[in-house]
Amino acid sequence: DWQKAVKNRKKAKGVRLWYALDERMLKASKQHVFNLLNHVNPHTGKRYAEEECIAVWELNNEAKIIKIALEDGFDTWPEYFQQKIQNRWNQWLTDRYSSQDNILKAWGKLAEGESLTDQSIACAPIFAKRNDYPQARGDDFVHFIVQLVSDYYNEIKTYARAQAPSGVGVNVQPFSFDTQYRPNTPWQFSVTEHADVANFGMYFFSLNSTLANPPSMYVMDSHTLADKPTVIYETNSGRPGQYRVEHAYRTAAFASWQDWDAVFWHYYHYKDWEDEQFLTTVLPYQSNSFYWSAVEFEKDPVMISTIGLAGQIFINHQIHAATNPVDYEVGKQGIYSYSKFNGMSTQRAAFERGARITYKPDEDFNTRMVNADPQSLEGRINDAIKAGDQIIWDWPNARLIVDTPTSKIYVGKTPPSKGWYRFSDGIAVGQFGTDFAAFAMVSADGKPLTGPNASERVYVNARYNAENSGFDMDMSILEKPNAGNPFVQARHIRNKGYSPIIETPVPYTVAFPNHIRATFTGFDSLQRQCLERSIDHSRL
């Protein structure tokens, strides 16, 4: 029966839950972990289990075990595994309630023919059928699935840790259990209860500037935990969006403000090419069957440069984290129920004050704010949001401003009539030659950009868009409600174009509040020097 069931696994939804239910599947999972951790790195001679260079171990990527189980149920499973989860559910109920009478007291009723004695209480309700059953039953079923998944992940983590001596490698390195990409509270709790790292991520495919709307970052703005390091794995903004460069800077600003620990950009495919090959290649775009090519960025000059500079700002802590973030607490009513199955929004609080979540599974409440008035964070956002004294989400003017002593960011709609934006220390940027720009100026040595102890080395970058020669797209797509769908975008691309890649030049001027003597050296996207000139005045 087991072999037959496993052979038919491709017809079933949510088979990863089988590893938490079945002894042989669990043994296979552990064997995979053993094989991986005991592989010897040919470059260092060490087992992976004892390698010091590994930052985080992840058990699954975007597995969404909880979400699939509670949305799709188990009707597609072979009978062998249906019986497995049925037995485990009824045993869980026996351990919790001892008797059917106690279940009836808690739930109020059972379905016809259901009995704890003969282990026939059905695995229900799934999310779509939650209103057909007593709420208490739904809460218990969510609790059962969450505990099942959480305990499975913890068992694998414990087994993995045992593959190395105490204090070495995998024995102490942090574990992530899954990368989350949809809002879902039970999912997040199940993969972070025993994990060391909380990680989530999202891709964006907007054809319009996101900075023209009240600030939001789907999933990423509502899942920061208070007691876990935060890793964004994965994110990017895809072509053919002409404003995609803004995502690098808004991510650096928000990640710094939320005090995240790492941001991974996908996908960079390393190519052992000569420089000229990058200059003669083409940008890949999505097709009707595959859209991930739209976020491959090793050939994209505007994404490479903006991600690089945004990364310098983030890694060097040039933007302050929120000092008084809003604390959200989630009790067992929020974790073990369908009430937060589509997640909880901390969006407005996250951008205004910073926000973080703490799970309290042993306390009997749903959700609460600890240090904020909920009404103050409700309602429509009508004005620009100032996050601390360094970030302005100036969405009414379709721009993001970052103003710190060591970094300046102006990204979005440029000032009208080739006007200027002046930062707090007197540095100004303006006279742009485009209606949109992603401008950044960053200290390379950590010293202020201006003043008596000013930086001796500064990075300056201004980008907009890049596309293949001859690229052509039917822009009537902007009138469609699903214009942000990459497959819809693929159908509107008339011609993906040809080499070379053409970048939109961004003329600009930087004005300093004092006279400076410096050398300005310009580089192309391959870091080849293309100009050099002396500066002996106050403008760049």
Protein backbone atom coordinates (compact mmCIF):
# COMPACT_ATOMS: atom_id res chain seq x y z
CA ASP A 1 0.00 0.00 0.00
CA TRP A 2 2.79 2.41 0.87
CA GLN A 3 4.70 1.80 -2.36
CA LYS A 4 1.54 2.19 -4.42
CA ALA A 5 0.62 5.42 -2.62
CA VAL A 6 4.07 6.94 -3.06
CA LYS A 7 4.12 5.97 -6.74
CA ASN A 8 0.90 8.00 -7.23
CA ARG A 9 2.18 11.07 -5.42
CA LYS A 10 2.19 13.25 -8.56
CA LYS A 11 -1.60 13.16 -8.59
CA ALA A 12 -1.84 14.44 -5.01
CA LYS A 13 -1.71 17.99 -3.67
CA GLY A 14 0.37 18.85 -0.65
CA VAL A 15 2.50 15.70 -0.52
CA ARG A 16 5.18 17.41 1.57
CA LEU A 17 2.90 16.94 4.57
CA TRP A 18 3.43 13.19 4.18
CA TYR A 19 6.90 13.57 5.67
CA ALA A 20 5.30 14.70 8.92
CA LEU A 21 2.82 11.80 8.94
CA ASP A 22 4.65 8.70 7.81
CA GLU A 23 7.61 6.97 9.47
CA ARG A 24 9.20 5.87 6.20
CA MET A 25 8.83 9.31 4.62
CA LEU A 26 10.37 10.86 7.73
CA LYS A 27 13.25 8.38 7.56
CA ALA A 28 13.80 9.29 3.89
CA SER A 29 13.81 12.98 4.80
CA LYS A 30 16.44 12.39 7.46
CA GLN A 31 18.51 10.30 5.07
CA HIS A 32 18.54 13.19 2.60
CA VAL A 33 19.73 15.52 5.37
CA PHE A 34 22.41 13.00 6.36
CA ASN A 35 23.66 12.62 2.79
CA LEU A 36 23.88 16.36 2.27
CA LEU A 37 25.57 17.20 5.55
CA ASN A 38 28.10 14.40 5.22
CA HIS A 39 29.13 15.37 1.72
CA VAL A 40 32.77 16.45 1.75
CA ASN A 41 33.52 19.82 0.20
CA PRO A 42 36.31 19.07 -2.31
CA HIS A 43 37.68 22.61 -1.93
CA THR A 44 38.08 22.57 1.86
CA GLY A 45 38.10 18.90 2.76
CA LYS A 46 35.36 19.47 5.32
CA ARG A 47 31.93 17.91 5.57
CA TYR A 48 29.16 20.41 4.88
CA ALA A 49 28.04 19.78 8.46
CA GLU A 50 31.26 21.39 9.71
CA GLU A 51 31.67 24.17 7.17
CA GLU A 52 31.93 27.61 8.78
CA CYS A 53 31.06 29.53 5.59
CA ILE A 54 27.35 28.61 5.60
CA ALA A 55 25.17 31.42 6.92
CA VAL A 56 21.71 29.83 7.07
CA TRP A 57 20.27 26.38 6.42
CA GLU A 58 16.80 26.32 4.83
CA LEU A 59 14.72 23.14 5.03
CA ASN A 60 12.16 24.14 2.37
CA ASN A 61 11.65 26.96 -0.10
CA GLU A 62 8.09 28.19 -0.65
CA ALA A 63 6.66 24.83 0.43
CA LYS A 64 3.51 26.41 1.94
CA ILE A 65 2.59 23.09 3.62
CA ILE A 66 0.03 24.74 5.90
CA LYS A 67 -1.59 26.75 3.13
CA ILE A 68 -2.03 23.77 0.80
CA ALA A 69 -3.32 21.47 3.53
CA LEU A 70 -5.92 23.91 4.83
CA GLU A 71 -7.02 25.13 1.41
CA ASP A 72 -7.06 21.94 -0.64
CA GLY A 73 -7.63 19.24 1.95
CA PHE A 74 -6.72 15.62 1.30
CA ASP A 75 -9.20 14.28 -1.27
CA THR A 76 -6.45 13.93 -3.89
CA TRP A 77 -4.30 11.81 -1.57
CA PRO A 78 -4.04 8.02 -1.93
CA GLU A 79 -6.18 6.21 0.62
CA TYR A 80 -3.09 5.08 2.53
CA PHE A 81 -2.11 8.65 3.38
CA GLN A 82 -5.70 9.76 3.89
CA GLN A 83 -5.94 7.11 6.60
CA LYS A 84 -2.64 8.25 8.05
CA ILE A 85 -3.79 11.81 8.62
CA GLN A 86 -7.24 10.64 9.76
CA ASN A 87 -5.64 8.49 12.46
CA ARG A 88 -3.23 11.22 13.52
CA TRP A 89 -6.09 13.78 13.77
CA ASN A 90 -8.23 11.48 15.89
CA GLN A 91 -5.28 10.66 18.13
CA TRP A 92 -4.65 14.38 18.57
CA LEU A 93 -8.29 14.83 19.59
CA THR A 94 -8.01 11.91 22.03
CA ASP A 95 -4.93 13.45 23.63
CA ARG A 96 -6.64 16.82 23.86
CA TYR A 97 -10.14 15.86 25.00
CA SER A 98 -9.91 12.28 26.32
CA SER A 99 -13.48 11.49 25.35
CA GLN A 100 -16.13 12.21 22.75
CA ASP A 101 -18.32 13.82 25.39
CA ASN A 102 -15.64 16.43 26.01
CA ILE A 103 -15.38 17.07 22.27
CA LEU A 104 -19.13 17.62 22.11
CA LYS A 105 -18.91 20.08 25.01
CA ALA A 106 -16.25 22.05 23.14
CA TRP A 107 -17.67 21.85 19.62
CA GLY A 108 -21.39 21.50 20.25
CA LYS A 109 -21.86 18.75 17.66
CA LEU A 110 -20.26 16.17 15.37
CA ALA A 111 -21.26 15.30 11.84
CA GLU A 112 -23.50 12.29 11.35
CA GLY A 113 -21.58 9.03 11.64
CA GLU A 114 -18.48 10.58 13.22
CA SER A 115 -17.09 8.90 16.31
CA LEU A 116 -13.91 9.27 18.31
CA THR A 117 -14.18 5.66 19.42
CA ASP A 118 -13.80 4.29 15.90
CA GLN A 119 -11.45 7.12 14.82
CA SER A 120 -13.87 8.43 12.20
CA ILE A 121 -13.91 12.17 12.92
CA ALA A 122 -13.14 13.68 9.52
CA CYS A 123 -10.18 15.97 8.82
CA ALA A 124 -12.26 19.11 8.55
CA PRO A 125 -12.96 21.90 7.99
CA ILE A 126 -10.70 23.26 5.28
CA PHE A 127 -10.74 27.04 4.80
CA ALA A 128 -13.51 27.14 2.18
CA LYS A 129 -15.82 25.03 4.38
CA ARG A 130 -15.02 26.70 7.69
CA ASN A 131 -18.49 28.22 8.07
CA ASP A 132 -20.13 24.80 7.70
CA TYR A 133 -18.66 23.63 11.00
CA PRO A 134 -18.48 24.94 14.56
CA GLN A 135 -15.73 27.51 14.95
CA ALA A 136 -14.16 25.55 17.80
CA ARG A 137 -13.72 22.57 15.50
CA GLY A 138 -12.06 24.72 12.86
CA ASP A 139 -9.73 26.18 15.49
CA ASP A 140 -8.75 22.70 16.62
CA PHE A 141 -8.14 21.51 13.08
CA VAL A 142 -5.87 24.47 12.31
CA HIS A 143 -4.09 23.86 15.62
CA PHE A 144 -3.54 20.20 14.72
CA ILE A 145 -2.07 20.96 11.27
CA VAL A 146 0.13 23.78 12.58
CA GLN A 147 1.50 21.61 15.37
CA LEU A 148 2.07 18.71 12.98
CA VAL A 149 4.14 20.85 10.61
CA SER A 150 5.99 22.76 13.32
CA ASP A 151 6.99 19.57 15.14
CA TYR A 152 8.16 17.94 11.90
CA TYR A 153 10.42 20.84 11.01
CA ASN A 154 11.82 20.91 14.54
CA GLU A 155 12.60 17.19 14.42
CA ILE A 156 14.53 17.61 11.17
CA LYS A 157 16.41 20.58 12.61
CA THR A 158 17.33 18.60 15.73
CA TYR A 159 18.52 15.68 13.60
CA ALA A 160 20.61 17.98 11.42
CA ARG A 161 22.24 19.64 14.42
CA ALA A 162 23.37 16.24 15.66
CA GLN A 163 25.49 15.75 12.52
CA ALA A 164 28.22 18.07 13.83
CA PRO A 165 30.13 18.34 17.12
CA SER A 166 28.87 20.79 19.71
CA GLY A 167 29.54 24.39 18.73
CA VAL A 168 30.62 23.53 15.18
CA GLY A 169 28.93 24.22 11.84
CA VAL A 170 25.36 23.02 11.50
CA ASN A 171 25.22 22.39 15.24
CA VAL A 172 24.97 26.14 15.82
CA GLN A 173 24.22 27.72 12.45
CA PRO A 174 20.72 29.24 12.14
CA PHE A 175 17.86 27.39 10.47
CA SER A 176 15.06 28.67 8.30
CA PHE A 177 12.15 26.30 7.72
CA ASP A 178 10.41 27.87 4.71
CA THR A 179 10.22 31.05 2.63
CA GLN A 180 6.79 32.66 2.83
CA TYR A 181 5.32 34.49 -0.15
CA ARG A 182 1.65 34.88 0.80
CA PRO A 183 0.11 36.49 3.90
CA ASN A 184 -0.90 33.70 6.27
CA THR A 185 -0.52 33.71 10.04
CA PRO A 186 -0.72 29.93 10.68
CA TRP A 187 1.86 29.40 7.94
CA GLN A 188 4.27 31.92 9.43
CA PHE A 189 3.91 30.57 12.95
CA SER A 190 4.43 26.96 11.84
CA VAL A 191 7.71 27.80 10.10
CA THR A 192 9.11 30.14 12.75
CA GLU A 193 8.07 28.63 16.10
CA HIS A 194 11.23 26.51 16.27
CA ALA A 195 13.25 28.19 13.51
CA ASP A 196 16.08 30.63 14.12
CA VAL A 197 15.31 32.87 11.14
CA ALA A 198 12.10 34.31 9.67
CA ASN A 199 12.26 34.71 5.92
CA PHE A 200 9.83 35.82 3.28
CA GLY A 201 9.97 37.57 -0.04
CA MET A 202 8.12 38.88 -3.04
CA TYR A 203 8.60 39.80 -6.70
CA PHE A 204 7.05 42.84 -8.30
CA PHE A 205 6.07 43.33 -11.94
CA SER A 206 4.41 46.74 -11.94
CA LEU A 207 4.49 48.77 -15.15
CA ASN A 208 3.78 51.96 -13.21
CA SER A 209 5.81 53.61 -10.49
CA THR A 210 4.87 52.17 -7.09
CA LEU A 211 6.01 55.42 -5.49
CA ALA A 212 2.88 57.22 -6.75
CA ASN A 213 0.72 55.23 -4.28
CA PRO A 214 0.69 55.03 -0.48
CA PRO A 215 3.71 52.90 0.42
CA SER A 216 3.26 49.14 0.51
CA MET A 217 5.32 46.01 -0.16
CA TYR A 218 3.05 42.99 -0.39
CA VAL A 219 3.90 40.32 2.23
CA MET A 220 7.17 42.09 3.06
CA ASP A 221 5.45 44.91 4.97
CA SER A 222 3.51 42.66 7.36
CA HIS A 223 5.70 39.73 8.48
CA THR A 224 8.62 41.11 10.49
CA LEU A 225 9.04 39.21 13.76
CA ALA A 226 10.36 40.82 16.93
CA ASP A 227 12.49 37.91 18.13
CA LYS A 228 13.98 36.46 14.93
CA PRO A 229 16.54 37.67 12.39
CA THR A 230 14.76 38.62 9.18
CA VAL A 231 16.01 37.39 5.80
CA ILE A 232 14.35 38.47 2.55
CA TYR A 233 14.66 35.49 0.28
CA GLU A 234 13.87 36.37 -2.52
CA THR A 235 12.96 39.67 -4.17
CA ASN A 236 13.29 41.67 -7.40
CA SER A 237 11.33 43.87 -9.80
CA GLY A 238 10.94 42.56 -13.31
CA ARG A 239 11.20 43.84 -16.84
CA PRO A 240 9.67 45.38 -18.85
CA GLY A 241 8.73 47.69 -15.97
CA GLN A 242 10.54 50.92 -16.79
CA TYR A 243 10.48 51.99 -13.12
CA ARG A 244 11.97 48.76 -11.78
CA VAL A 245 15.09 50.53 -10.47
CA GLU A 246 13.04 52.12 -7.69
CA HIS A 247 12.66 48.72 -6.02
CA ALA A 248 16.32 48.60 -5.02
CA TYR A 249 16.16 51.88 -3.13
CA ARG A 250 12.75 51.39 -1.57
CA THR A 251 13.91 47.96 -0.37
CA ALA A 252 17.10 49.43 1.13
CA ALA A 253 15.08 52.13 2.88
CA PHE A 254 12.39 49.79 4.21
CA ALA A 255 14.80 46.99 5.13
CA SER A 256 16.95 49.43 7.11
CA TRP A 257 13.92 50.97 8.81
CA GLN A 258 12.54 47.54 9.75
CA ASP A 259 15.98 46.41 10.90
CA TRP A 260 16.13 43.39 8.60
CA ASP A 261 19.30 41.33 8.47
CA ALA A 262 19.75 40.24 4.84
CA VAL A 263 18.17 40.77 1.42
CA PHE A 264 18.81 38.31 -1.43
CA TRP A 265 18.15 39.40 -5.01
CA HIS A 266 17.21 36.78 -7.58
CA TYR A 267 18.24 35.83 -10.17
CA TYR A 268 21.88 36.46 -10.94
CA HIS A 269 23.27 33.80 -13.25
CA TYR A 270 27.03 33.97 -13.19
CA LYS A 271 28.54 33.96 -16.68
CA ASP A 272 32.26 33.65 -17.29
CA TRP A 273 32.11 36.19 -20.08
CA GLU A 274 34.44 38.80 -21.41
CA ASP A 275 33.19 42.35 -20.87
CA GLU A 276 32.28 42.79 -24.51
CA GLN A 277 29.89 39.85 -24.37
CA PHE A 278 27.76 41.69 -21.80
CA LEU A 279 27.73 44.71 -24.07
CA THR A 280 26.52 42.69 -27.05
CA THR A 281 23.93 40.52 -25.32
CA VAL A 282 20.20 41.12 -24.95
CA LEU A 283 17.93 41.49 -21.94
CA PRO A 284 15.65 38.47 -21.43
CA TYR A 285 11.90 39.02 -21.08
CA GLN A 286 9.06 36.80 -19.97
CA SER A 287 7.31 34.41 -22.34
CA ASN A 288 3.80 32.96 -22.37
CA SER A 289 5.03 29.93 -20.43
CA PHE A 290 7.91 31.24 -18.30
CA TYR A 291 8.26 34.60 -16.61
CA TRP A 292 11.29 34.27 -14.30
CA SER A 293 13.59 35.39 -17.11
CA ALA A 294 12.15 38.87 -16.50
CA VAL A 295 14.01 39.13 -13.17
CA GLU A 296 17.36 37.76 -14.32
CA PHE A 297 19.53 40.80 -13.78
CA GLU A 298 23.15 39.89 -14.53
CA LYS A 299 22.73 41.56 -17.95
CA ASP A 300 20.60 44.48 -16.76
CA PRO A 301 22.84 47.55 -16.28
CA VAL A 302 20.27 49.64 -14.41
CA MET A 303 19.42 46.89 -11.92
CA ILE A 304 23.04 45.86 -11.33
CA SER A 305 24.08 49.41 -10.46
CA THR A 306 21.09 50.36 -8.31
CA ILE A 307 21.09 47.07 -6.37
CA GLY A 308 24.80 47.53 -5.78
CA LEU A 309 24.50 51.05 -4.42
CA ALA A 310 21.36 50.27 -2.41
CA GLY A 311 23.26 47.34 -0.96
CA GLN A 312 26.07 49.63 0.21
CA ILE A 313 23.54 51.80 2.02
CA PHE A 314 21.90 48.81 3.70
CA ILE A 315 25.00 46.80 4.58
CA ASN A 316 26.78 49.83 6.05
CA HIS A 317 23.75 50.84 8.17
CA GLN A 318 23.54 54.30 6.64
CA ILE A 319 19.80 54.52 7.38
CA HIS A 320 18.61 54.31 10.98
CA ALA A 321 16.21 51.60 12.10
CA ALA A 322 12.90 52.59 13.70
CA THR A 323 13.42 53.44 17.36
CA ASN A 324 9.87 52.83 18.57
CA PRO A 325 8.19 50.27 16.31
CA VAL A 326 4.61 49.22 16.86
CA ASP A 327 4.47 45.88 18.66
CA TYR A 328 1.78 43.49 17.45
CA GLU A 329 1.09 40.42 19.55
CA VAL A 330 -0.76 37.36 18.25
CA GLY A 331 -2.27 34.90 20.71
CA LYS A 332 -3.60 31.41 20.20
CA GLN A 333 -6.94 32.68 18.85
CA GLY A 334 -5.04 34.31 15.98
CA ILE A 335 -2.57 31.46 15.43
CA TYR A 336 -4.83 28.43 15.75
CA SER A 337 -7.84 29.59 13.75
CA TYR A 338 -8.94 30.78 10.33
CA SER A 339 -9.35 34.37 11.54
CA LYS A 340 -5.86 35.33 10.31
CA PHE A 341 -5.59 32.75 7.54
CA ASN A 342 -5.05 35.55 5.02
CA GLY A 343 -2.58 37.22 7.32
CA MET A 344 -2.67 40.44 9.27
CA SER A 345 -1.70 43.82 7.93
CA THR A 346 0.94 45.89 9.67
CA GLN A 347 1.49 47.92 6.51
CA ARG A 348 0.72 51.44 7.67
CA ALA A 349 2.42 51.02 11.02
CA ALA A 350 5.48 49.51 9.36
CA PHE A 351 6.05 52.53 7.13
CA GLU A 352 5.13 55.17 9.70
CA ARG A 353 6.73 53.81 12.86
CA GLY A 354 8.14 50.39 12.06
CA ALA A 355 6.29 47.23 13.05
CA ARG A 356 7.08 43.82 14.47
CA ILE A 357 5.11 40.75 15.49
CA THR A 358 5.42 38.54 18.57
CA TYR A 359 3.60 35.22 18.79
CA LYS A 360 2.18 34.18 22.14
CA PRO A 361 0.64 30.74 21.54
CA ASP A 362 -0.08 30.10 25.23
CA GLU A 363 -2.16 33.25 25.77
CA ASP A 364 -5.88 33.33 25.03
CA PHE A 365 -6.46 36.31 22.76
CA ASN A 366 -6.46 37.04 19.04
CA THR A 367 -4.30 40.08 18.18
CA ARG A 368 -3.44 43.31 19.93
CA MET A 369 -1.20 46.36 19.64
CA VAL A 370 0.92 46.90 22.72
CA ASN A 371 2.27 50.40 22.29
CA ALA A 372 -0.04 52.16 19.83
CA ASP A 373 -3.63 53.31 19.46
CA PRO A 374 -5.18 51.16 16.70
CA GLN A 375 -7.37 54.05 15.54
CA SER A 376 -4.30 56.16 14.83
CA LEU A 377 -3.21 53.62 12.25
CA GLU A 378 -6.56 53.17 10.52
CA GLY A 379 -8.09 54.99 7.60
CA ARG A 380 -6.80 56.26 4.30
CA ILE A 381 -3.27 57.62 4.02
CA ASN A 382 -3.66 61.10 2.54
CA ASP A 383 -0.26 62.66 3.13
CA ALA A 384 3.38 61.80 2.70
CA ILE A 385 4.77 59.51 5.40
CA LYS A 386 7.87 60.62 7.25
CA ALA A 387 9.63 57.62 8.77
CA GLY A 388 11.90 59.02 11.42
CA ASP A 389 14.09 61.91 10.33
CA GLN A 390 15.74 60.21 7.35
CA ILE A 391 13.02 58.71 5.11
CA ILE A 392 10.10 60.41 3.37
CA TRP A 393 7.63 58.26 1.43
CA ASP A 394 6.43 61.29 -0.55
CA TRP A 395 3.83 59.41 -2.56
CA PRO A 396 1.69 62.51 -3.37
CA ASN A 397 4.73 63.65 -5.39
CA ALA A 398 5.54 60.12 -6.56
CA ARG A 399 8.96 59.95 -4.97
CA LEU A 400 11.03 58.51 -2.14
CA ILE A 401 13.57 60.66 -0.33
CA VAL A 402 16.34 59.37 1.91
CA ASP A 403 18.44 62.01 3.64
CA THR A 404 21.24 60.87 5.97
CA PRO A 405 24.69 62.36 6.60
CA THR A 406 26.31 59.60 4.52
CA SER A 407 23.70 58.88 1.85
CA LYS A 408 21.18 60.72 -0.31
CA ILE A 409 18.47 59.06 -2.36
CA TYR A 410 16.05 60.80 -4.68
CA VAL A 411 14.01 58.27 -6.62
CA GLY A 412 10.79 58.93 -8.48
CA LYS A 413 9.24 61.79 -10.36
CA THR A 414 11.80 64.55 -10.87
CA PRO A 415 11.16 68.17 -9.82
CA PRO A 416 9.20 70.17 -12.42
CA SER A 417 10.87 72.64 -14.76
CA LYS A 418 14.27 71.09 -14.07
CA GLY A 419 14.02 72.27 -10.50
CA TRP A 420 15.92 71.15 -7.41
CA TYR A 421 15.50 69.10 -4.29
CA ARG A 422 17.59 70.32 -1.34
CA PHE A 423 18.62 67.90 1.39
CA SER A 424 18.95 68.89 5.05
CA ASP A 425 22.73 69.51 4.92
CA GLY A 426 22.47 71.85 1.92
CA ILE A 427 23.36 69.34 -0.80
CA ALA A 428 20.89 69.63 -3.67
CA VAL A 429 20.14 67.54 -6.73
CA GLY A 430 18.21 68.71 -9.75
CA GLN A 431 18.21 69.84 -13.35
CA PHE A 432 17.29 66.30 -14.34
CA GLY A 433 16.88 65.64 -18.02
CA THR A 434 14.24 62.94 -17.49
CA ASP A 435 10.81 62.89 -15.85
CA PHE A 436 11.90 60.02 -13.56
CA ALA A 437 15.23 59.23 -11.95
CA ALA A 438 16.76 56.88 -9.42
CA PHE A 439 19.55 59.01 -7.98
CA ALA A 440 21.83 58.08 -5.09
CA MET A 441 24.97 59.52 -3.57
CA VAL A 442 26.71 57.39 -0.98
CA SER A 443 29.78 57.85 1.18
CA ALA A 444 32.27 55.06 0.53
CA ASP A 445 34.24 55.57 3.75
CA GLY A 446 31.46 56.25 6.24
CA LYS A 447 32.24 59.94 6.62
CA PRO A 448 29.58 62.64 6.00
CA LEU A 449 29.06 63.81 2.44
CA THR A 450 29.74 67.40 3.38
CA GLY A 451 31.25 69.37 6.27
CA PRO A 452 34.68 69.72 7.88
CA ASN A 453 35.32 65.96 8.00
CA ALA A 454 33.72 65.10 4.68
CA SER A 455 34.11 61.83 2.84
CA GLU A 456 37.10 61.48 0.55
CA ARG A 457 35.39 58.96 -1.72
CA VAL A 458 31.74 59.12 -2.83
CA TYR A 459 29.64 56.95 -5.15
CA VAL A 460 27.14 58.77 -7.36
CA ASN A 461 24.62 57.03 -9.58
CA ALA A 462 21.56 58.05 -11.60
CA ARG A 463 19.52 55.50 -13.53
CA TYR A 464 16.18 55.11 -15.26
CA ASN A 465 15.46 52.35 -17.76
CA ALA A 466 17.25 49.96 -20.10
CA GLU A 467 15.77 47.84 -22.87
CA ASN A 468 16.84 46.03 -25.99
CA SER A 469 17.14 47.92 -29.24
CA GLY A 470 13.87 47.66 -31.10
CA PHE A 471 11.90 46.57 -28.03
CA ASP A 472 8.19 47.16 -28.59
CA MET A 473 5.22 46.65 -26.30
CA ASP A 474 1.51 47.25 -26.74
CA MET A 475 0.94 49.83 -23.99
CA SER A 476 -2.83 49.38 -24.06
CA ILE A 477 -2.00 46.90 -21.31
CA LEU A 478 -1.99 49.82 -18.88
CA GLU A 479 -5.76 49.99 -19.24
CA LYS A 480 -6.16 46.40 -18.04
CA PRO A 481 -6.72 45.53 -14.36
CA ASN A 482 -4.15 42.72 -14.51
CA ALA A 483 -1.38 44.73 -16.13
CA GLY A 484 1.01 43.63 -13.38
CA ASN A 485 0.68 39.97 -14.34
CA PRO A 486 3.91 38.92 -16.10
CA PHE A 487 2.08 36.46 -18.37
CA VAL A 488 -0.27 39.23 -19.49
CA GLN A 489 2.77 41.40 -20.10
CA ALA A 490 4.32 38.64 -22.22
CA ARG A 491 1.28 38.63 -24.48
CA HIS A 492 1.61 42.39 -25.00
CA ILE A 493 5.29 42.34 -25.97
CA ARG A 494 5.34 42.72 -29.74
CA ASN A 495 9.10 42.53 -30.17
CA LYS A 496 11.70 41.62 -27.53
CA GLY A 497 14.33 43.48 -29.52
CA TYR A 498 17.95 42.84 -30.29
CA SER A 499 21.46 43.84 -29.26
CA PRO A 500 22.70 46.23 -28.02
CA ILE A 501 20.90 47.10 -24.79
CA ILE A 502 19.97 50.79 -24.82
CA GLU A 503 19.97 52.67 -21.52
CA THR A 504 18.04 55.90 -20.93
CA PRO A 505 20.64 58.53 -19.96
CA VAL A 506 19.81 60.61 -16.87
CA PRO A 507 21.40 64.09 -16.94
CA TYR A 508 21.53 65.69 -13.48
CA THR A 509 23.43 68.24 -11.39
CA VAL A 510 24.54 68.03 -7.78
CA ALA A 511 25.14 71.28 -5.91
CA PHE A 512 27.21 71.30 -2.73
CA PRO A 513 26.82 73.97 -0.03
CA ASN A 514 30.56 74.63 -0.18
CA HIS A 515 33.42 74.77 -2.64
CA ILE A 516 34.97 71.37 -3.33
CA ARG A 517 38.11 70.13 -5.03
CA ALA A 518 37.72 66.62 -6.36
CA THR A 519 38.14 64.31 -9.31
CA PHE A 520 35.02 62.90 -10.89
CA THR A 521 35.62 59.52 -12.53
CA GLY A 522 32.85 57.92 -14.58
CA PHE A 523 32.43 54.21 -15.26
CA ASP A 524 30.17 52.23 -17.52
CA SER A 525 28.10 49.25 -16.37
CA LEU A 526 31.17 46.99 -16.62
CA GLN A 527 33.17 49.29 -14.31
CA ARG A 528 35.35 50.45 -17.15
CA GLN A 529 36.46 54.05 -16.81
CA CYS A 530 34.86 56.23 -19.48
CA LEU A 531 35.54 59.76 -18.25
CA GLU A 532 37.51 61.78 -15.73
CA ARG A 533 37.42 65.47 -14.93
CA SER A 534 38.49 67.81 -12.16
CA ILE A 535 36.04 69.75 -10.01
CA ASP A 536 37.08 73.05 -8.46
CA HIS A 537 33.73 74.62 -7.65
CA SER A 538 30.50 73.66 -5.90
CA ARG A 539 28.68 71.69 -8.60
CA LEU A 540 28.92 68.23 -10.06
